[in-house]
Amino acid sequence: MKTKRLAALVVALTLTLPLTVGARDRGREGRRGSLRLVGVVPVPNHPIISADIGWVDPRTERAYITDRSNFGVDILDAENNLYVGRVAGMAGPLPSGGGTATTNGGGPNGVLVTPDGILWAGDGNATTTVADVNPSSPNYLSIIGQISTSIPECDNETAHYCGRADEVGYDPEHHIILIANNAPLDIAEPHGPIAPYATFISANPPYPVLGRISFPGSVGLEQPLWDPGLNGGRFLLTVPGNVALMIPARIAIIDPVTEMVETMDIDCHALVGTISASITGIALGRSQHILISACGAAPIPSFPIIMNARTGEVYSIITQVGGGDEVWYNPGADQFYVTGVDNTGVTGLQSLGVIDARTNRWLQNLTDVRGKNASALPENNHIFTVVQITQAIVDDPSLDDSTCAQFGYRGTGCVALFAPEDDD
């Protein structure tokens, strides 16, 4: 595994930026892309207490939300902002670490849809669930396959310790899925952690497993992302490091055919001054610019960091909003989105952060209490976040402080909708 160090090329410049841009710049940038909270999309059945990733398919104008509380993936019409259905039958909010199929991680977790109308979701018990989401298909909303990503080191077909299959990426050139098992445990007593690993699966039926790569010493795996413009096409995979072992956070650069790996180290101390090896989301913008969420060290949240996937050059470190888990690039507005704590001193609340992908500058924060994991439809620049509540709020809806409650949905959870200021 080849490794190169990430140079902190613009740290001094970016970290001395004020928490708010100047009034003239903010006005110009606001006219180009200011957003507002316009409403919420209610989701039927169980309240949303456990949810994960959102993903938008620009081809079909559908948004997909992994909703463990409802044992499936919720589907929204992202053009008209309506709930349209659900792929049900997934693991749900199951616990992890118990050694049985029902205590081996919940799901769904990560999600995407391939151009043939097939949904791929990381599910509980080291399972990749495959479903048909083509409305014209007789199998619409049906699970059509479940592929195990377990390995002998954590699963002997009787005891199950490989954990959930988590986030997922797709290589459209070679029709390959890459999915992470982020927290496997040793099959042997005392069931301590073993190296997290990622599995290559053919996206062509019958969906055989093609291979695996592991990351010894890392404390997890996060988001796979396909980058078609890097070295003829590569997966980028965010890999949390291990402070105790002095392993930094990394971006793994993976050849999907040879399964060879290079890594780009993220030096959090040099970049932002934290002793941290954390990294979560990644999104690809224009000209090989990527946004990562990295370098959080309690009580300091992760930072959105914009860099070059090819060279490692750092363009910007955003301080006005935390980095959160999933991050998103919207080519319709040429903006990045993150969800995290508002660090401007205005509210200190969970917010949707908006970043100009052309200038690499923060634009605005929009309060989104309990919202997370933004995704967007580029045609109309509608942005969706899943708003996850607690059991205590379900039991007493008067406690509901979430974005959903602003629109009369108390004790339910919802999907929040943001849109441009001039969108009617």
Protein backbone atom coordinates (compact mmCIF):
# COMPACT_ATOMS: atom_id res chain seq x y z
CA MET A 1 0.00 0.00 0.00
CA LYS A 2 1.67 3.23 -1.15
CA THR A 3 1.33 6.34 1.00
CA LYS A 4 1.93 10.04 0.40
CA ARG A 5 1.71 12.84 2.94
CA LEU A 6 -0.80 15.65 2.55
CA ALA A 7 0.93 19.02 2.60
CA ALA A 8 -0.73 21.81 4.57
CA LEU A 9 -0.23 24.36 1.80
CA VAL A 10 -2.72 27.05 2.75
CA VAL A 11 -3.30 26.56 6.45
CA ALA A 12 -2.10 29.96 7.58
CA LEU A 13 -4.22 31.73 5.00
CA THR A 14 -7.42 29.79 5.53
CA LEU A 15 -7.40 29.62 9.32
CA THR A 16 -7.04 33.38 9.62
CA LEU A 17 -10.23 34.03 7.66
CA PRO A 18 -12.94 35.65 9.80
CA LEU A 19 -15.95 33.62 10.76
CA THR A 20 -18.14 35.67 8.43
CA VAL A 21 -17.34 36.97 4.96
CA GLY A 22 -17.53 40.68 4.27
CA ALA A 23 -20.89 42.28 3.64
CA ARG A 24 -20.10 43.06 0.01
CA ASP A 25 -18.90 39.50 -0.70
CA ARG A 26 -21.78 37.97 1.20
CA GLY A 27 -24.30 40.04 -0.74
CA ARG A 28 -22.83 39.06 -4.09
CA GLU A 29 -22.57 35.40 -3.13
CA GLY A 30 -26.03 35.45 -1.54
CA ARG A 31 -27.64 36.64 -4.76
CA ARG A 32 -25.94 33.79 -6.54
CA GLY A 33 -27.03 31.04 -4.20
CA SER A 34 -28.78 31.95 -0.93
CA LEU A 35 -31.02 29.22 0.42
CA ARG A 36 -33.90 29.09 2.87
CA LEU A 37 -35.79 26.43 4.78
CA VAL A 38 -39.08 26.05 2.89
CA GLY A 39 -40.78 23.06 4.50
CA VAL A 40 -40.59 19.40 5.42
CA VAL A 41 -41.60 16.12 3.84
CA PRO A 42 -43.42 13.84 6.32
CA VAL A 43 -42.61 10.12 6.26
CA PRO A 44 -45.31 7.58 7.24
CA ASN A 45 -45.31 4.79 9.84
CA HIS A 46 -42.73 4.79 12.65
CA PRO A 47 -41.12 8.03 13.87
CA ILE A 48 -37.60 8.53 12.54
CA ILE A 49 -35.38 7.72 15.52
CA SER A 50 -32.62 5.97 13.58
CA ALA A 51 -31.62 7.04 10.07
CA ASP A 52 -28.40 7.39 8.11
CA ILE A 53 -27.47 8.45 4.58
CA GLY A 54 -29.44 10.42 1.98
CA TRP A 55 -28.77 10.12 -1.75
CA VAL A 56 -30.37 11.84 -4.77
CA ASP A 57 -30.58 10.33 -8.26
CA PRO A 58 -30.62 13.23 -10.77
CA ARG A 59 -31.62 10.89 -13.58
CA THR A 60 -34.95 9.89 -12.02
CA GLU A 61 -35.32 12.90 -9.69
CA ARG A 62 -35.76 10.67 -6.67
CA ALA A 63 -34.25 11.09 -3.20
CA TYR A 64 -33.46 8.03 -1.08
CA ILE A 65 -33.23 8.12 2.74
CA THR A 66 -31.99 5.13 4.73
CA ASP A 67 -34.60 4.87 7.49
CA ARG A 68 -33.72 2.19 10.00
CA SER A 69 -36.74 3.08 12.14
CA ASN A 70 -38.95 1.93 9.25
CA PHE A 71 -36.75 -1.02 8.23
CA GLY A 72 -36.04 0.30 4.76
CA VAL A 73 -35.22 3.08 2.33
CA ASP A 74 -37.72 5.92 1.96
CA ILE A 75 -38.17 7.29 -1.57
CA LEU A 76 -39.11 10.90 -2.27
CA ASP A 77 -40.09 12.68 -5.47
CA ALA A 78 -37.33 15.30 -5.32
CA GLU A 79 -38.95 17.45 -8.00
CA ASN A 80 -42.30 17.77 -6.22
CA ASN A 81 -41.08 17.10 -2.66
CA LEU A 82 -43.37 14.18 -1.92
CA TYR A 83 -42.99 10.81 -0.26
CA VAL A 84 -43.67 8.14 -2.91
CA GLY A 85 -42.76 4.79 -1.38
CA ARG A 86 -40.38 2.58 0.55
CA VAL A 87 -38.19 -0.45 -0.01
CA ALA A 88 -39.03 -2.38 3.16
CA GLY A 89 -37.70 -5.57 4.72
CA MET A 90 -34.24 -4.47 5.85
CA ALA A 91 -32.62 -5.05 9.24
CA GLY A 92 -33.90 -2.00 11.08
CA PRO A 93 -32.40 -0.49 14.27
CA LEU A 94 -30.64 -3.63 15.50
CA PRO A 95 -27.77 -3.55 18.03
CA SER A 96 -24.19 -4.54 17.25
CA GLY A 97 -21.65 -6.89 18.78
CA GLY A 98 -23.92 -9.64 20.06
CA GLY A 99 -22.77 -12.44 17.80
CA THR A 100 -26.13 -13.34 16.25
CA ALA A 101 -27.78 -12.33 13.01
CA THR A 102 -30.11 -10.03 14.96
CA THR A 103 -27.38 -8.43 17.09
CA ASN A 104 -24.85 -7.91 14.30
CA GLY A 105 -25.60 -4.35 13.25
CA GLY A 106 -28.59 -2.42 11.98
CA GLY A 107 -29.52 -1.18 8.53
CA PRO A 108 -30.00 0.26 6.03
CA ASN A 109 -26.94 2.50 6.18
CA GLY A 110 -25.36 3.69 2.93
CA VAL A 111 -27.42 3.79 -0.28
CA LEU A 112 -27.19 4.52 -4.00
CA VAL A 113 -29.05 3.60 -7.20
CA THR A 114 -27.32 2.42 -10.38
CA PRO A 115 -28.52 3.58 -13.83
CA ASP A 116 -30.43 0.31 -14.38
CA GLY A 117 -32.80 1.20 -11.53
CA ILE A 118 -31.22 -1.08 -8.94
CA LEU A 119 -30.84 0.15 -5.36
CA TRP A 120 -27.85 -0.92 -3.27
CA ALA A 121 -27.93 -0.51 0.49
CA GLY A 122 -25.57 -1.46 3.28
CA ASP A 123 -27.63 -3.53 5.70
CA GLY A 124 -27.32 -5.30 9.03
CA ASN A 125 -25.44 -8.55 9.60
CA ALA A 126 -22.78 -7.79 6.96
CA THR A 127 -25.40 -7.82 4.20
CA THR A 128 -25.62 -5.78 1.03
CA THR A 129 -29.29 -5.54 0.08
CA VAL A 130 -30.24 -5.14 -3.59
CA ALA A 131 -33.69 -3.89 -4.61
CA ASP A 132 -35.58 -2.89 -7.76
CA VAL A 133 -36.68 0.76 -7.74
CA ASN A 134 -37.69 1.03 -11.39
CA PRO A 135 -41.39 2.07 -11.27
CA SER A 136 -42.10 0.25 -14.54
CA SER A 137 -40.71 -3.06 -13.25
CA PRO A 138 -42.95 -5.83 -11.90
CA ASN A 139 -40.46 -6.08 -9.02
CA TYR A 140 -40.79 -2.40 -8.08
CA LEU A 141 -39.86 -1.81 -4.42
CA SER A 142 -38.93 -5.48 -3.98
CA ILE A 143 -35.66 -6.84 -2.59
CA ILE A 144 -34.12 -8.96 -5.36
CA GLY A 145 -30.88 -10.02 -3.69
CA GLN A 146 -28.84 -10.00 -0.50
CA ILE A 147 -25.08 -10.46 -0.68
CA SER A 148 -23.04 -11.36 2.38
CA THR A 149 -19.86 -9.38 3.00
CA SER A 150 -18.82 -11.51 5.98
CA ILE A 151 -15.36 -13.06 6.23
CA PRO A 152 -14.14 -16.08 8.29
CA GLU A 153 -12.23 -13.87 10.73
CA CYS A 154 -15.53 -12.48 12.05
CA ASP A 155 -18.19 -15.01 10.97
CA ASN A 156 -18.30 -18.81 11.04
CA GLU A 157 -21.93 -19.04 9.82
CA THR A 158 -23.04 -19.71 13.40
CA ALA A 159 -21.56 -16.77 15.28
CA HIS A 160 -21.79 -13.41 13.48
CA TYR A 161 -19.44 -10.58 14.40
CA CYS A 162 -18.70 -8.81 11.10
CA GLY A 163 -21.16 -6.02 11.93
CA ARG A 164 -23.16 -3.99 9.48
CA ALA A 165 -22.32 -3.33 5.85
CA ASP A 166 -22.12 0.45 5.82
CA GLU A 167 -21.55 3.01 3.09
CA VAL A 168 -21.38 2.23 -0.60
CA GLY A 169 -19.89 3.53 -3.86
CA TYR A 170 -20.34 2.60 -7.54
CA ASP A 171 -17.89 2.40 -10.44
CA PRO A 172 -20.06 2.83 -13.58
CA GLU A 173 -17.23 2.00 -15.96
CA HIS A 174 -16.57 -1.51 -14.65
CA HIS A 175 -19.95 -2.02 -12.93
CA ILE A 176 -18.39 -2.54 -9.51
CA ILE A 177 -19.85 -1.78 -6.09
CA LEU A 178 -17.52 -1.01 -3.17
CA ILE A 179 -19.02 -1.34 0.31
CA ALA A 180 -17.42 -0.94 3.73
CA ASN A 181 -17.61 -3.11 6.84
CA ASN A 182 -16.56 -0.47 9.32
CA ALA A 183 -16.50 -2.29 12.67
CA PRO A 184 -15.90 -6.05 12.46
CA LEU A 185 -15.07 -8.00 15.62
CA ASP A 186 -12.92 -11.09 16.04
CA ILE A 187 -14.88 -14.35 15.94
CA ALA A 188 -12.71 -15.59 18.84
CA GLU A 189 -13.10 -14.50 22.44
CA PRO A 190 -13.03 -11.78 23.66
CA HIS A 191 -14.33 -10.47 20.30
CA GLY A 192 -12.03 -7.47 20.04
CA PRO A 193 -11.89 -5.31 16.91
CA ILE A 194 -10.20 -6.56 13.76
CA ALA A 195 -9.18 -4.62 10.65
CA PRO A 196 -12.11 -2.94 8.90
CA TYR A 197 -12.46 -4.01 5.28
CA ALA A 198 -14.19 -3.12 2.03
CA THR A 199 -15.76 -5.57 -0.42
CA PHE A 200 -15.91 -5.36 -4.22
CA ILE A 201 -19.17 -6.71 -5.67
CA SER A 202 -20.14 -7.01 -9.32
CA ALA A 203 -23.16 -4.82 -10.09
CA ASN A 204 -24.18 -7.34 -12.75
CA PRO A 205 -26.41 -10.29 -11.78
CA PRO A 206 -25.94 -12.59 -9.96
CA TYR A 207 -23.82 -10.01 -8.08
CA PRO A 208 -20.74 -12.08 -7.15
CA VAL A 209 -18.17 -10.86 -4.63
CA LEU A 210 -15.01 -9.94 -6.55
CA GLY A 211 -12.53 -9.29 -3.77
CA ARG A 212 -11.73 -7.44 -0.55
CA ILE A 213 -9.20 -5.03 0.90
CA SER A 214 -8.54 -4.44 4.59
CA PHE A 215 -7.08 -1.53 6.55
CA PRO A 216 -5.11 -2.79 9.58
CA GLY A 217 -4.80 -0.33 12.44
CA SER A 218 -7.71 1.84 11.34
CA VAL A 219 -10.67 2.31 13.66
CA GLY A 220 -13.30 2.29 10.92
CA LEU A 221 -14.18 2.88 7.27
CA GLU A 222 -16.43 5.60 5.96
CA GLN A 223 -17.52 6.83 2.51
CA PRO A 224 -16.52 5.27 -0.84
CA LEU A 225 -16.74 7.71 -3.77
CA TRP A 226 -16.14 7.12 -7.48
CA ASP A 227 -13.83 9.66 -9.13
CA PRO A 228 -13.90 9.16 -12.93
CA GLY A 229 -11.24 11.79 -13.60
CA LEU A 230 -8.49 10.46 -11.34
CA ASN A 231 -5.91 8.18 -12.98
CA GLY A 232 -8.47 6.75 -15.40
CA GLY A 233 -11.06 6.24 -12.66
CA ARG A 234 -10.55 5.43 -8.98
CA PHE A 235 -12.53 4.86 -5.82
CA LEU A 236 -11.77 7.29 -3.03
CA LEU A 237 -12.46 5.87 0.43
CA THR A 238 -12.23 7.85 3.66
CA VAL A 239 -10.35 5.84 6.29
CA PRO A 240 -10.25 6.99 9.94
CA GLY A 241 -6.84 6.48 11.51
CA ASN A 242 -5.80 5.58 15.03
CA VAL A 243 -4.32 8.22 17.33
CA ALA A 244 -2.96 5.63 19.76
CA LEU A 245 -1.03 3.91 16.96
CA MET A 246 -0.11 7.24 15.31
CA ILE A 247 -1.95 6.26 12.13
CA PRO A 248 -3.40 9.40 10.53
CA ALA A 249 -6.74 9.81 8.82
CA ARG A 250 -6.39 8.84 5.18
CA ILE A 251 -8.03 8.87 1.81
CA ALA A 252 -7.52 5.52 0.12
CA ILE A 253 -7.19 5.75 -3.68
CA ILE A 254 -8.29 2.38 -5.04
CA ASP A 255 -7.94 0.86 -8.50
CA PRO A 256 -11.21 -1.11 -8.92
CA VAL A 257 -9.66 -3.59 -11.36
CA THR A 258 -6.34 -4.44 -9.72
CA GLU A 259 -7.62 -3.62 -6.21
CA MET A 260 -4.31 -1.85 -5.55
CA VAL A 261 -4.39 0.95 -2.98
CA GLU A 262 -2.50 4.19 -2.46
CA THR A 263 -3.22 6.41 0.51
CA MET A 264 -3.16 10.15 1.05
CA ASP A 265 -2.57 11.05 4.71
CA ILE A 266 -4.45 13.88 6.41
CA ASP A 267 -2.22 15.61 8.99
CA CYS A 268 -4.85 17.05 11.32
CA HIS A 269 -2.32 18.68 13.65
CA ALA A 270 -0.68 20.57 10.82
CA LEU A 271 -3.99 21.51 9.23
CA VAL A 272 -6.14 22.57 12.18
CA GLY A 273 -4.13 21.92 15.33
CA THR A 274 -6.09 18.92 16.59
CA ILE A 275 -4.73 15.57 17.74
CA SER A 276 -7.18 13.66 15.61
CA ALA A 277 -7.41 10.87 13.05
CA SER A 278 -11.10 11.30 12.24
CA ILE A 279 -12.54 11.50 8.74
CA THR A 280 -16.05 10.79 7.50
CA GLY A 281 -17.75 12.16 4.40
CA ILE A 282 -16.31 12.99 0.98
CA ALA A 283 -17.80 14.72 -2.07
CA LEU A 284 -16.34 15.41 -5.53
CA GLY A 285 -16.79 18.84 -7.07
CA ARG A 286 -15.31 20.41 -10.17
CA SER A 287 -11.67 20.06 -11.36
CA GLN A 288 -10.76 17.31 -8.89
CA HIS A 289 -11.77 19.45 -5.91
CA ILE A 290 -13.04 17.29 -3.08
CA LEU A 291 -14.65 18.22 0.22
CA ILE A 292 -13.90 16.00 3.20
CA SER A 293 -15.13 16.15 6.78
CA ALA A 294 -12.16 15.49 9.05
CA CYS A 295 -10.03 16.25 12.09
CA GLY A 296 -12.70 16.40 14.78
CA ALA A 297 -11.46 15.95 18.36
CA ALA A 298 -14.05 16.37 21.12
CA PRO A 299 -15.25 18.95 21.88
CA ILE A 300 -14.07 20.31 18.51
CA PRO A 301 -16.26 19.09 15.62
CA SER A 302 -14.90 17.97 12.28
CA PHE A 303 -13.86 20.60 9.76
CA PRO A 304 -15.03 20.76 6.14
CA ILE A 305 -11.75 20.75 4.19
CA ILE A 306 -11.52 21.39 0.45
CA MET A 307 -8.52 19.93 -1.34
CA ASN A 308 -7.27 18.55 -4.64
CA ALA A 309 -7.77 14.80 -5.03
CA ARG A 310 -4.86 14.55 -7.45
CA THR A 311 -2.18 16.63 -5.70
CA GLY A 312 -3.28 16.87 -2.07
CA GLU A 313 -3.18 20.68 -2.16
CA VAL A 314 -5.48 22.18 0.46
CA TYR A 315 -7.58 25.07 -0.80
CA SER A 316 -9.77 25.92 2.16
CA ILE A 317 -10.59 24.93 5.72
CA ILE A 318 -14.10 25.98 6.69
CA THR A 319 -14.46 27.10 10.29
CA GLN A 320 -18.01 28.48 10.27
CA VAL A 321 -19.76 25.11 10.45
CA GLY A 322 -18.89 21.60 11.60
CA GLY A 323 -18.29 18.89 9.03
CA GLY A 324 -20.79 16.26 10.15
CA ASP A 325 -21.05 12.82 8.56
CA GLU A 326 -22.19 12.83 4.93
CA VAL A 327 -21.22 15.77 2.69
CA TRP A 328 -22.62 16.56 -0.76
CA TYR A 329 -21.74 18.40 -3.99
CA ASN A 330 -24.56 19.95 -6.03
CA PRO A 331 -23.48 20.74 -9.61
CA GLY A 332 -26.73 22.63 -10.20
CA ALA A 333 -25.63 25.43 -7.87
CA ASP A 334 -21.92 24.56 -7.77
CA GLN A 335 -22.12 24.28 -4.00
CA PHE A 336 -21.02 21.88 -1.29
CA TYR A 337 -23.34 21.09 1.63
CA VAL A 338 -22.49 19.89 5.13
CA THR A 339 -24.49 19.49 8.33
CA GLY A 340 -22.94 20.43 11.63
CA VAL A 341 -22.93 22.89 14.50
CA ASP A 342 -23.13 26.59 13.61
CA ASN A 343 -19.74 27.99 14.67
CA THR A 344 -20.39 31.62 13.70
CA GLY A 345 -21.58 32.55 17.18
CA VAL A 346 -25.07 33.30 15.92
CA THR A 347 -27.00 30.22 17.10
CA GLY A 348 -24.64 27.37 17.99
CA LEU A 349 -27.33 25.03 16.67
CA GLN A 350 -27.20 22.15 14.21
CA SER A 351 -27.25 23.71 10.75
CA LEU A 352 -27.00 23.14 7.03
CA GLY A 353 -23.74 24.74 5.90
CA VAL A 354 -23.47 26.04 2.33
CA ILE A 355 -20.07 26.39 0.65
CA ASP A 356 -19.33 27.95 -2.74
CA ALA A 357 -17.48 25.28 -4.72
CA ARG A 358 -16.04 27.86 -7.13
CA THR A 359 -14.41 30.10 -4.53
CA ASN A 360 -14.11 27.43 -1.77
CA ARG A 361 -15.69 29.90 0.64
CA TRP A 362 -18.45 29.45 3.18
CA LEU A 363 -21.69 31.19 2.20
CA GLN A 364 -24.27 30.64 4.92
CA ASN A 365 -25.63 28.44 7.70
CA LEU A 366 -29.32 27.57 7.96
CA THR A 367 -30.59 26.27 11.28
CA ASP A 368 -31.68 22.64 11.01
CA VAL A 369 -32.11 21.28 14.51
CA ARG A 370 -31.62 17.48 14.51
CA GLY A 371 -31.10 17.50 10.72
CA LYS A 372 -28.20 15.64 9.12
CA ASN A 373 -26.71 14.26 5.91
CA ALA A 374 -27.67 16.60 3.09
CA SER A 375 -28.29 15.57 -0.52
CA ALA A 376 -29.56 17.67 -3.42
CA LEU A 377 -31.30 17.56 -6.79
CA PRO A 378 -29.31 19.72 -9.25
CA GLU A 379 -32.26 20.45 -11.56
CA ASN A 380 -34.09 22.59 -8.99
CA ASN A 381 -31.39 22.92 -6.29
CA HIS A 382 -33.64 21.43 -3.62
CA ILE A 383 -31.65 20.13 -0.65
CA PHE A 384 -32.89 17.40 1.69
CA THR A 385 -31.75 16.49 5.20
CA VAL A 386 -33.14 13.72 7.38
CA VAL A 387 -34.36 14.99 10.74
CA GLN A 388 -33.89 12.34 13.40
CA ILE A 389 -35.54 12.64 16.80
CA THR A 390 -35.28 10.66 20.06
CA GLN A 391 -37.49 8.20 21.86
CA ALA A 392 -37.97 10.81 24.59
CA ILE A 393 -39.44 13.20 22.01
CA VAL A 394 -41.72 10.45 20.68
CA ASP A 395 -42.94 9.83 24.23
CA ASP A 396 -43.47 13.55 24.86
CA PRO A 397 -43.89 15.53 21.61
CA SER A 398 -43.94 18.78 23.55
CA LEU A 399 -40.15 18.34 23.84
CA ASP A 400 -39.73 18.41 20.07
CA ASP A 401 -37.27 21.17 19.14
CA SER A 402 -36.54 19.82 15.66
CA THR A 403 -37.02 21.39 12.26
CA CYS A 404 -40.10 19.17 11.83
CA ALA A 405 -41.83 20.84 14.78
CA GLN A 406 -41.67 24.22 13.05
CA PHE A 407 -44.13 22.84 10.51
CA GLY A 408 -46.41 21.06 12.96
CA TYR A 409 -44.84 17.60 12.86
CA ARG A 410 -44.05 16.82 16.50
CA GLY A 411 -42.74 13.50 17.69
CA THR A 412 -42.43 12.07 14.18
CA GLY A 413 -39.17 13.14 12.52
CA CYS A 414 -39.25 14.15 8.85
CA VAL A 415 -37.13 15.18 5.89
CA ALA A 416 -36.31 18.90 5.83
CA LEU A 417 -36.39 20.78 2.53
CA PHE A 418 -34.22 23.77 1.63
CA ALA A 419 -34.48 25.69 -1.64
CA PRO A 420 -33.16 28.89 -3.28
CA GLU A 421 -34.59 32.15 -1.97
CA ASP A 422 -36.40 32.85 -5.23
CA ASP A 423 -37.96 29.37 -5.49
CA ASP A 424 -41.74 29.62 -5.20
